[in-house]
Amino acid sequence: MRGEDYEAEFREYMASRWGDLVRFGYGLTGDRGHAEDLAQTALAKAYASWGRVRRADDLDAYIRRILINANHRRFRKQRVAEHEGQVPVEPSVADGTDVFDQREALVAALMELPPKQRAVVVLRYWDGLTETQAAAILGCSVGNVKSQASRALAKLRGSAQLRDGSVVR
């Protein structure tokens, strides 16, 4: 395939997946700006070796894994402590309704989870992937995904942010 064809194929992939990658990044970070940065980083890394990446068995899973790794590196580099009480807000949803309040509480509770548990919850329940798909993306066993999900859901159920709204069942 010629370079122009690679580029056109990548552009098409990027345009079709951008929203999903930003949404996934938002689930991991709770911040729209960080989510966009992660999506851009993941796509830049994919573009750099697109000839190889495009042949992956599950291209979306491969790109999600790049995004998860980029998020882990972001935490290692910055080590910025979040301010208690500061809740990340998705700018496009700030309308003051009950749905927004529930989403705000859920995102705040997600930010309390350790990164691996957060990734499992986002993959399984936000993106709707199976345990097997999540395990493949995270590079761990299905049993690990199950135990991480169980622990994460238990923490979410006990979260102060979610007690009143009962978002998690």
N, C-alpha and C. Protein backbone atom coordinates (compact mmCIF):
# COMPACT_ATOMS: atom_id res chain seq x y z
N MET A 1 0.85 -1.18 0.00
CA MET A 1 0.00 0.00 0.00
C MET A 1 0.89 1.24 0.00
N ARG A 2 0.55 2.19 -0.80
CA ARG A 2 1.33 3.43 -0.88
C ARG A 2 1.11 4.30 0.35
N GLY A 3 2.02 5.25 0.56
CA GLY A 3 1.94 6.14 1.71
C GLY A 3 0.65 6.94 1.75
N GLU A 4 0.18 7.37 0.58
CA GLU A 4 -1.07 8.14 0.54
C GLU A 4 -2.25 7.29 0.98
N ASP A 5 -2.24 6.02 0.59
CA ASP A 5 -3.31 5.10 0.97
C ASP A 5 -3.30 4.86 2.48
N TYR A 6 -2.08 4.68 3.06
CA TYR A 6 -1.96 4.52 4.51
C TYR A 6 -2.56 5.72 5.22
N GLU A 7 -2.17 6.89 4.72
CA GLU A 7 -2.62 8.12 5.35
C GLU A 7 -4.14 8.26 5.28
N ALA A 8 -4.72 7.96 4.14
CA ALA A 8 -6.17 8.05 3.97
C ALA A 8 -6.87 7.03 4.87
N GLU A 9 -6.31 5.83 4.96
CA GLU A 9 -6.89 4.80 5.82
C GLU A 9 -6.83 5.24 7.29
N PHE A 10 -5.69 5.80 7.68
CA PHE A 10 -5.55 6.26 9.06
C PHE A 10 -6.53 7.40 9.36
N ARG A 11 -6.61 8.36 8.45
CA ARG A 11 -7.54 9.49 8.64
C ARG A 11 -8.97 9.00 8.81
N GLU A 12 -9.36 8.03 7.99
CA GLU A 12 -10.71 7.47 8.08
C GLU A 12 -10.93 6.80 9.43
N TYR A 13 -9.93 6.01 9.86
CA TYR A 13 -10.03 5.35 11.17
C TYR A 13 -10.14 6.40 12.28
N MET A 14 -9.27 7.39 12.24
CA MET A 14 -9.24 8.42 13.27
C MET A 14 -10.58 9.16 13.34
N ALA A 15 -11.11 9.54 12.20
CA ALA A 15 -12.37 10.28 12.17
C ALA A 15 -13.52 9.45 12.72
N SER A 16 -13.51 8.14 12.46
CA SER A 16 -14.61 7.29 12.91
C SER A 16 -14.49 6.94 14.39
N ARG A 17 -13.30 7.00 14.97
CA ARG A 17 -13.11 6.55 16.36
C ARG A 17 -12.83 7.67 17.36
N TRP A 18 -12.61 8.88 16.89
CA TRP A 18 -12.23 9.97 17.78
C TRP A 18 -13.18 10.11 18.97
N GLY A 19 -14.46 10.18 18.72
CA GLY A 19 -15.43 10.36 19.80
C GLY A 19 -15.39 9.23 20.81
N ASP A 20 -15.28 7.99 20.34
CA ASP A 20 -15.21 6.84 21.24
C ASP A 20 -13.95 6.88 22.09
N LEU A 21 -12.83 7.27 21.48
CA LEU A 21 -11.57 7.32 22.23
C LEU A 21 -11.59 8.44 23.28
N VAL A 22 -12.18 9.57 22.94
CA VAL A 22 -12.28 10.67 23.91
C VAL A 22 -13.21 10.25 25.06
N ARG A 23 -14.30 9.59 24.73
CA ARG A 23 -15.24 9.12 25.76
C ARG A 23 -14.55 8.12 26.68
N PHE A 24 -13.78 7.21 26.10
CA PHE A 24 -13.04 6.24 26.89
C PHE A 24 -12.01 6.94 27.77
N GLY A 25 -11.29 7.89 27.19
CA GLY A 25 -10.31 8.66 27.96
C GLY A 25 -10.96 9.44 29.09
N TYR A 26 -12.16 9.96 28.84
CA TYR A 26 -12.89 10.68 29.88
C TYR A 26 -13.23 9.75 31.04
N GLY A 27 -13.59 8.52 30.71
CA GLY A 27 -13.86 7.54 31.76
C GLY A 27 -12.64 7.25 32.60
N LEU A 28 -11.47 7.29 32.00
CA LEU A 28 -10.23 7.03 32.73
C LEU A 28 -9.76 8.23 33.53
N THR A 29 -10.01 9.44 33.03
CA THR A 29 -9.43 10.63 33.65
C THR A 29 -10.43 11.53 34.35
N GLY A 30 -11.69 11.52 33.90
CA GLY A 30 -12.68 12.41 34.47
C GLY A 30 -12.54 13.85 33.99
N ASP A 31 -11.72 14.08 32.98
CA ASP A 31 -11.47 15.43 32.50
C ASP A 31 -11.46 15.41 30.97
N ARG A 32 -12.29 16.23 30.38
CA ARG A 32 -12.42 16.26 28.92
C ARG A 32 -11.09 16.64 28.23
N GLY A 33 -10.39 17.60 28.77
CA GLY A 33 -9.12 18.02 28.18
C GLY A 33 -8.08 16.91 28.22
N HIS A 34 -7.95 16.24 29.38
CA HIS A 34 -7.02 15.12 29.49
C HIS A 34 -7.44 13.99 28.55
N ALA A 35 -8.74 13.77 28.44
CA ALA A 35 -9.25 12.71 27.57
C ALA A 35 -8.86 12.98 26.11
N GLU A 36 -9.02 14.21 25.68
CA GLU A 36 -8.64 14.56 24.31
C GLU A 36 -7.13 14.42 24.11
N ASP A 37 -6.35 14.81 25.11
CA ASP A 37 -4.89 14.66 25.02
C ASP A 37 -4.51 13.19 24.90
N LEU A 38 -5.15 12.33 25.70
CA LEU A 38 -4.86 10.90 25.64
C LEU A 38 -5.24 10.31 24.28
N ALA A 39 -6.40 10.69 23.78
CA ALA A 39 -6.83 10.19 22.47
C ALA A 39 -5.84 10.62 21.40
N GLN A 40 -5.42 11.87 21.46
CA GLN A 40 -4.46 12.38 20.48
C GLN A 40 -3.12 11.65 20.59
N THR A 41 -2.67 11.40 21.80
CA THR A 41 -1.41 10.68 22.02
C THR A 41 -1.52 9.26 21.48
N ALA A 42 -2.62 8.59 21.77
CA ALA A 42 -2.80 7.22 21.30
C ALA A 42 -2.82 7.16 19.77
N LEU A 43 -3.52 8.09 19.16
CA LEU A 43 -3.59 8.10 17.70
C LEU A 43 -2.24 8.48 17.07
N ALA A 44 -1.50 9.36 17.72
CA ALA A 44 -0.17 9.72 17.20
C ALA A 44 0.76 8.52 17.25
N LYS A 45 0.71 7.77 18.34
CA LYS A 45 1.55 6.57 18.45
C LYS A 45 1.12 5.53 17.41
N ALA A 46 -0.18 5.39 17.21
CA ALA A 46 -0.67 4.44 16.21
C ALA A 46 -0.23 4.86 14.81
N TYR A 47 -0.31 6.15 14.53
CA TYR A 47 0.06 6.65 13.20
C TYR A 47 1.55 6.40 12.91
N ALA A 48 2.37 6.55 13.95
CA ALA A 48 3.81 6.40 13.77
C ALA A 48 4.18 5.01 13.25
N SER A 49 3.37 4.01 13.57
CA SER A 49 3.65 2.65 13.06
C SER A 49 2.38 2.03 12.47
N TRP A 50 1.66 2.85 11.72
CA TRP A 50 0.36 2.43 11.18
C TRP A 50 0.46 1.18 10.30
N GLY A 51 1.53 1.02 9.55
CA GLY A 51 1.68 -0.16 8.70
C GLY A 51 1.59 -1.45 9.49
N ARG A 52 2.13 -1.46 10.70
CA ARG A 52 2.08 -2.64 11.57
C ARG A 52 0.80 -2.66 12.38
N VAL A 53 0.41 -1.51 12.93
CA VAL A 53 -0.74 -1.41 13.82
C VAL A 53 -2.03 -1.81 13.10
N ARG A 54 -2.19 -1.41 11.87
CA ARG A 54 -3.43 -1.67 11.13
C ARG A 54 -3.71 -3.14 10.93
N ARG A 55 -2.68 -3.98 11.11
CA ARG A 55 -2.84 -5.42 10.94
C ARG A 55 -3.21 -6.13 12.24
N ALA A 56 -3.39 -5.39 13.32
CA ALA A 56 -3.73 -5.99 14.61
C ALA A 56 -5.06 -6.74 14.50
N ASP A 57 -5.18 -7.82 15.25
CA ASP A 57 -6.40 -8.62 15.24
C ASP A 57 -7.61 -7.78 15.62
N ASP A 58 -7.46 -6.98 16.66
CA ASP A 58 -8.54 -6.11 17.11
C ASP A 58 -7.95 -4.71 17.24
N LEU A 59 -8.07 -3.94 16.19
CA LEU A 59 -7.46 -2.61 16.13
C LEU A 59 -7.96 -1.71 17.25
N ASP A 60 -9.26 -1.73 17.53
CA ASP A 60 -9.81 -0.88 18.59
C ASP A 60 -9.21 -1.24 19.95
N ALA A 61 -9.07 -2.53 20.22
CA ALA A 61 -8.46 -2.97 21.48
C ALA A 61 -7.01 -2.51 21.57
N TYR A 62 -6.30 -2.59 20.47
CA TYR A 62 -4.90 -2.17 20.43
C TYR A 62 -4.78 -0.68 20.75
N ILE A 63 -5.64 0.12 20.16
CA ILE A 63 -5.60 1.57 20.39
C ILE A 63 -6.02 1.88 21.83
N ARG A 64 -7.02 1.18 22.36
CA ARG A 64 -7.42 1.39 23.76
C ARG A 64 -6.25 1.09 24.70
N ARG A 65 -5.49 0.03 24.39
CA ARG A 65 -4.34 -0.32 25.23
C ARG A 65 -3.30 0.80 25.20
N ILE A 66 -3.07 1.36 24.03
CA ILE A 66 -2.14 2.50 23.93
C ILE A 66 -2.65 3.64 24.80
N LEU A 67 -3.96 3.89 24.77
CA LEU A 67 -4.55 4.97 25.56
C LEU A 67 -4.40 4.71 27.06
N ILE A 68 -4.64 3.48 27.48
CA ILE A 68 -4.48 3.12 28.90
C ILE A 68 -3.03 3.32 29.33
N ASN A 69 -2.09 2.87 28.51
CA ASN A 69 -0.66 3.04 28.84
C ASN A 69 -0.29 4.52 28.90
N ALA A 70 -0.82 5.30 27.98
CA ALA A 70 -0.53 6.74 28.00
C ALA A 70 -1.08 7.38 29.28
N ASN A 71 -2.23 6.92 29.74
CA ASN A 71 -2.81 7.44 30.98
C ASN A 71 -1.93 7.07 32.17
N HIS A 72 -1.41 5.85 32.19
CA HIS A 72 -0.52 5.44 33.28
C HIS A 72 0.75 6.28 33.30
N ARG A 73 1.31 6.55 32.12
CA ARG A 73 2.51 7.39 32.04
C ARG A 73 2.22 8.81 32.52
N ARG A 74 1.03 9.30 32.20
CA ARG A 74 0.64 10.65 32.64
C ARG A 74 0.66 10.72 34.16
N PHE A 75 0.14 9.68 34.83
CA PHE A 75 0.14 9.67 36.28
C PHE A 75 1.55 9.58 36.84
N ARG A 76 2.37 8.77 36.23
CA ARG A 76 3.75 8.63 36.72
C ARG A 76 4.52 9.93 36.60
N LYS A 77 4.30 10.65 35.51
CA LYS A 77 5.04 11.90 35.29
C LYS A 77 4.55 13.02 36.19
N GLN A 78 3.25 13.17 36.31
CA GLN A 78 2.72 14.34 37.00
C GLN A 78 2.60 14.15 38.50
N ARG A 79 2.08 13.02 38.93
CA ARG A 79 1.86 12.78 40.36
C ARG A 79 1.20 13.96 41.04
N VAL A 80 0.22 14.53 40.38
CA VAL A 80 -0.48 15.68 40.93
C VAL A 80 -1.61 15.19 41.82
N ALA A 81 -1.65 15.68 43.03
CA ALA A 81 -2.72 15.29 43.94
C ALA A 81 -3.99 16.06 43.58
N GLU A 82 -5.10 15.33 43.52
CA GLU A 82 -6.37 15.99 43.24
C GLU A 82 -6.84 16.70 44.51
N HIS A 83 -7.47 17.83 44.33
CA HIS A 83 -8.00 18.56 45.46
C HIS A 83 -9.31 17.95 45.89
N GLU A 84 -9.42 17.66 47.16
CA GLU A 84 -10.64 17.06 47.66
C GLU A 84 -11.82 18.00 47.44
N GLY A 85 -12.90 17.42 46.99
CA GLY A 85 -14.10 18.21 46.74
C GLY A 85 -14.18 18.76 45.33
N GLN A 86 -13.06 18.74 44.61
CA GLN A 86 -13.07 19.24 43.23
C GLN A 86 -13.52 18.10 42.33
N VAL A 87 -14.63 18.29 41.64
CA VAL A 87 -15.21 17.25 40.80
C VAL A 87 -14.99 17.60 39.34
N PRO A 88 -14.42 16.67 38.56
CA PRO A 88 -14.25 16.94 37.14
C PRO A 88 -15.61 17.05 36.46
N VAL A 89 -15.72 17.97 35.53
CA VAL A 89 -16.99 18.21 34.86
C VAL A 89 -16.79 18.12 33.35
N GLU A 90 -17.68 17.38 32.70
CA GLU A 90 -17.65 17.33 31.24
C GLU A 90 -18.38 18.57 30.75
N PRO A 91 -17.68 19.49 30.07
CA PRO A 91 -18.26 20.78 29.71
C PRO A 91 -19.53 20.71 28.89
N SER A 92 -19.67 19.74 28.02
CA SER A 92 -20.82 19.70 27.14
C SER A 92 -22.11 19.25 27.84
N VAL A 93 -22.03 18.85 29.12
CA VAL A 93 -23.20 18.32 29.80
C VAL A 93 -23.67 19.24 30.93
N ALA A 94 -22.98 20.34 31.17
CA ALA A 94 -23.26 21.19 32.31
C ALA A 94 -24.61 21.90 32.17
N ASP A 95 -25.71 21.15 32.42
CA ASP A 95 -27.03 21.74 32.26
C ASP A 95 -27.82 21.76 33.57
N GLY A 96 -27.25 21.24 34.67
CA GLY A 96 -27.89 21.33 35.96
C GLY A 96 -28.99 20.32 36.21
N THR A 97 -29.19 19.35 35.37
CA THR A 97 -30.26 18.37 35.56
C THR A 97 -29.82 17.24 36.47
N ASP A 98 -30.77 16.38 36.84
CA ASP A 98 -30.47 15.21 37.66
C ASP A 98 -29.47 14.29 36.97
N VAL A 99 -29.59 14.16 35.66
CA VAL A 99 -28.67 13.31 34.91
C VAL A 99 -27.25 13.82 35.08
N PHE A 100 -27.07 15.13 35.01
CA PHE A 100 -25.75 15.70 35.20
C PHE A 100 -25.26 15.44 36.62
N ASP A 101 -26.12 15.60 37.61
CA ASP A 101 -25.72 15.36 39.00
C ASP A 101 -25.27 13.91 39.20
N GLN A 102 -26.00 12.97 38.60
CA GLN A 102 -25.63 11.56 38.72
C GLN A 102 -24.30 11.30 38.02
N ARG A 103 -24.12 11.88 36.83
CA ARG A 103 -22.87 11.68 36.11
C ARG A 103 -21.71 12.28 36.89
N GLU A 104 -21.92 13.45 37.45
CA GLU A 104 -20.88 14.12 38.23
C GLU A 104 -20.48 13.25 39.43
N ALA A 105 -21.47 12.69 40.12
CA ALA A 105 -21.20 11.83 41.26
C ALA A 105 -20.48 10.55 40.83
N LEU A 106 -20.89 9.97 39.72
CA LEU A 106 -20.26 8.75 39.24
C LEU A 106 -18.81 8.99 38.83
N VAL A 107 -18.55 10.07 38.12
CA VAL A 107 -17.17 10.38 37.71
C VAL A 107 -16.30 10.66 38.93
N ALA A 108 -16.83 11.37 39.91
CA ALA A 108 -16.07 11.63 41.13
C ALA A 108 -15.74 10.32 41.84
N ALA A 109 -16.70 9.41 41.89
CA ALA A 109 -16.46 8.11 42.52
C ALA A 109 -15.44 7.29 41.71
N LEU A 110 -15.52 7.35 40.39
CA LEU A 110 -14.55 6.65 39.55
C LEU A 110 -13.13 7.15 39.80
N MET A 111 -12.98 8.45 40.02
CA MET A 111 -11.65 9.02 40.25
C MET A 111 -11.05 8.53 41.57
N GLU A 112 -11.88 8.01 42.47
CA GLU A 112 -11.37 7.48 43.73
C GLU A 112 -10.79 6.07 43.56
N LEU A 113 -11.13 5.40 42.48
CA LEU A 113 -10.65 4.04 42.25
C LEU A 113 -9.19 4.04 41.80
N PRO A 114 -8.46 2.98 42.14
CA PRO A 114 -7.09 2.85 41.59
C PRO A 114 -7.17 2.73 40.06
N PRO A 115 -6.11 3.11 39.35
CA PRO A 115 -6.14 3.13 37.88
C PRO A 115 -6.58 1.81 37.23
N LYS A 116 -6.12 0.68 37.71
CA LYS A 116 -6.48 -0.61 37.09
C LYS A 116 -7.97 -0.89 37.27
N GLN A 117 -8.49 -0.66 38.48
CA GLN A 117 -9.91 -0.88 38.71
C GLN A 117 -10.74 0.08 37.86
N ARG A 118 -10.29 1.31 37.75
CA ARG A 118 -11.00 2.30 36.93
C ARG A 118 -11.03 1.85 35.48
N ALA A 119 -9.88 1.35 34.97
CA ALA A 119 -9.81 0.88 33.59
C ALA A 119 -10.77 -0.29 33.37
N VAL A 120 -10.83 -1.21 34.33
CA VAL A 120 -11.75 -2.36 34.21
C VAL A 120 -13.19 -1.87 34.17
N VAL A 121 -13.55 -0.98 35.06
CA VAL A 121 -14.93 -0.48 35.10
C VAL A 121 -15.28 0.24 33.80
N VAL A 122 -14.37 1.06 33.32
CA VAL A 122 -14.65 1.81 32.08
C VAL A 122 -14.77 0.85 30.90
N LEU A 123 -13.87 -0.11 30.80
CA LEU A 123 -13.94 -1.07 29.70
C LEU A 123 -15.21 -1.91 29.76
N ARG A 124 -15.52 -2.44 30.95
CA ARG A 124 -16.66 -3.36 31.08
C ARG A 124 -18.01 -2.65 31.03
N TYR A 125 -18.16 -1.58 31.80
CA TYR A 125 -19.49 -1.00 31.98
C TYR A 125 -19.71 0.29 31.22
N TRP A 126 -18.65 1.01 30.90
CA TRP A 126 -18.78 2.26 30.15
C TRP A 126 -18.75 1.94 28.66
N ASP A 127 -17.77 1.09 28.24
CA ASP A 127 -17.65 0.71 26.84
C ASP A 127 -18.41 -0.56 26.49
N GLY A 128 -18.86 -1.30 27.51
CA GLY A 128 -19.68 -2.49 27.27
C GLY A 128 -18.92 -3.68 26.71
N LEU A 129 -17.63 -3.79 27.02
CA LEU A 129 -16.85 -4.93 26.54
C LEU A 129 -17.05 -6.14 27.43
N THR A 130 -16.78 -7.31 26.90
CA THR A 130 -16.86 -8.53 27.69
C THR A 130 -15.63 -8.63 28.60
N GLU A 131 -15.69 -9.55 29.54
CA GLU A 131 -14.54 -9.76 30.43
C GLU A 131 -13.32 -10.21 29.63
N THR A 132 -13.56 -11.05 28.63
CA THR A 132 -12.46 -11.54 27.80
C THR A 132 -11.82 -10.41 27.00
N GLN A 133 -12.64 -9.54 26.43
CA GLN A 133 -12.10 -8.40 25.68
C GLN A 133 -11.33 -7.46 26.60
N ALA A 134 -11.87 -7.18 27.77
CA ALA A 134 -11.18 -6.30 28.73
C ALA A 134 -9.85 -6.92 29.15
N ALA A 135 -9.84 -8.23 29.40
CA ALA A 135 -8.61 -8.91 29.80
C ALA A 135 -7.56 -8.82 28.71
N ALA A 136 -7.98 -8.97 27.46
CA ALA A 136 -7.03 -8.89 26.34
C ALA A 136 -6.43 -7.49 26.25
N ILE A 137 -7.25 -6.46 26.42
CA ILE A 137 -6.77 -5.09 26.34
C ILE A 137 -5.81 -4.78 27.48
N LEU A 138 -6.15 -5.26 28.68
CA LEU A 138 -5.34 -4.96 29.86
C LEU A 138 -4.15 -5.89 30.03
N GLY A 139 -4.12 -6.96 29.24
CA GLY A 139 -3.00 -7.91 29.33
C GLY A 139 -3.00 -8.69 30.62
N CYS A 140 -4.19 -9.10 31.06
CA CYS A 140 -4.30 -9.87 32.29
C CYS A 140 -5.32 -11.00 32.07
N SER A 141 -5.55 -11.79 33.09
CA SER A 141 -6.50 -12.91 32.97
C SER A 141 -7.94 -12.43 33.15
N VAL A 142 -8.87 -13.25 32.68
CA VAL A 142 -10.29 -12.94 32.85
C VAL A 142 -10.63 -12.92 34.34
N GLY A 143 -10.02 -13.82 35.10
CA GLY A 143 -10.24 -13.85 36.54
C GLY A 143 -9.81 -12.55 37.21
N ASN A 144 -8.71 -11.97 36.74
CA ASN A 144 -8.25 -10.70 37.27
C ASN A 144 -9.25 -9.60 36.97
N VAL A 145 -9.79 -9.60 35.75
CA VAL A 145 -10.80 -8.60 35.39
C VAL A 145 -12.01 -8.76 36.30
N LYS A 146 -12.44 -10.00 36.53
CA LYS A 146 -13.60 -10.24 37.39
C LYS A 146 -13.36 -9.74 38.81
N SER A 147 -12.18 -10.05 39.36
CA SER A 147 -11.91 -9.63 40.74
C SER A 147 -11.75 -8.11 40.84
N GLN A 148 -11.09 -7.50 39.85
CA GLN A 148 -10.94 -6.04 39.85
C GLN A 148 -12.30 -5.37 39.73
N ALA A 149 -13.17 -5.91 38.87
CA ALA A 149 -14.51 -5.34 38.70
C ALA A 149 -15.31 -5.49 39.99
N SER A 150 -15.21 -6.64 40.63
CA SER A 150 -15.94 -6.87 41.88
C SER A 150 -15.49 -5.89 42.96
N ARG A 151 -14.19 -5.73 43.11
CA ARG A 151 -13.67 -4.80 44.11
C ARG A 151 -14.07 -3.36 43.79
N ALA A 152 -13.98 -3.01 42.52
CA ALA A 152 -14.33 -1.65 42.11
C ALA A 152 -15.80 -1.36 42.36
N LEU A 153 -16.67 -2.29 42.00
CA LEU A 153 -18.10 -2.07 42.22
C LEU A 153 -18.42 -1.98 43.71
N ALA A 154 -17.73 -2.78 44.53
CA ALA A 154 -17.93 -2.69 45.98
C ALA A 154 -17.53 -1.30 46.49
N LYS A 155 -16.41 -0.78 45.99
CA LYS A 155 -15.97 0.56 46.39
C LYS A 155 -16.95 1.62 45.91
N LEU A 156 -17.43 1.46 44.68
CA LEU A 156 -18.40 2.43 44.16
C LEU A 156 -19.69 2.40 44.96
N ARG A 157 -20.14 1.20 45.34
CA ARG A 157 -21.36 1.10 46.14
C ARG A 157 -21.21 1.81 47.49
N GLY A 158 -20.00 1.77 48.04
CA GLY A 158 -19.75 2.40 49.33
C GLY A 158 -19.31 3.86 49.24
N SER A 159 -19.21 4.37 48.03
CA SER A 159 -18.73 5.72 47.83
C SER A 159 -19.70 6.76 48.38
N ALA A 160 -19.15 7.74 49.04
CA ALA A 160 -19.97 8.83 49.60
C ALA A 160 -20.69 9.59 48.51
N GLN A 161 -20.04 9.74 47.35
CA GLN A 161 -20.65 10.49 46.25
C GLN A 161 -21.90 9.80 45.71
N LEU A 162 -21.96 8.47 45.84
CA LEU A 162 -23.06 7.73 45.22
C LEU A 162 -24.13 7.27 46.22
N ARG A 163 -23.88 7.43 47.50
CA ARG A 163 -24.83 6.93 48.50
C ARG A 163 -26.23 7.50 48.33
N ASP A 164 -26.31 8.81 48.17
CA ASP A 164 -27.64 9.43 48.07
C ASP A 164 -28.31 9.14 46.75
N GLY A 165 -27.57 9.17 45.65
CA GLY A 165 -28.16 8.98 44.34
C GLY A 165 -28.35 7.52 43.96
N SER A 166 -27.66 6.59 44.65
CA SER A 166 -27.74 5.17 44.37
C SER A 166 -27.60 4.89 42.88
N VAL A 167 -26.52 5.42 42.28
CA VAL A 167 -26.27 5.23 40.85
C VAL A 167 -25.83 3.81 40.57
N VAL A 168 -25.02 3.21 41.48
CA VAL A 168 -24.50 1.87 41.28
C VAL A 168 -25.32 0.89 42.08
N ARG A 169 -25.72 -0.18 41.43
CA ARG A 169 -26.54 -1.22 42.11
C ARG A 169 -25.77 -2.49 42.27
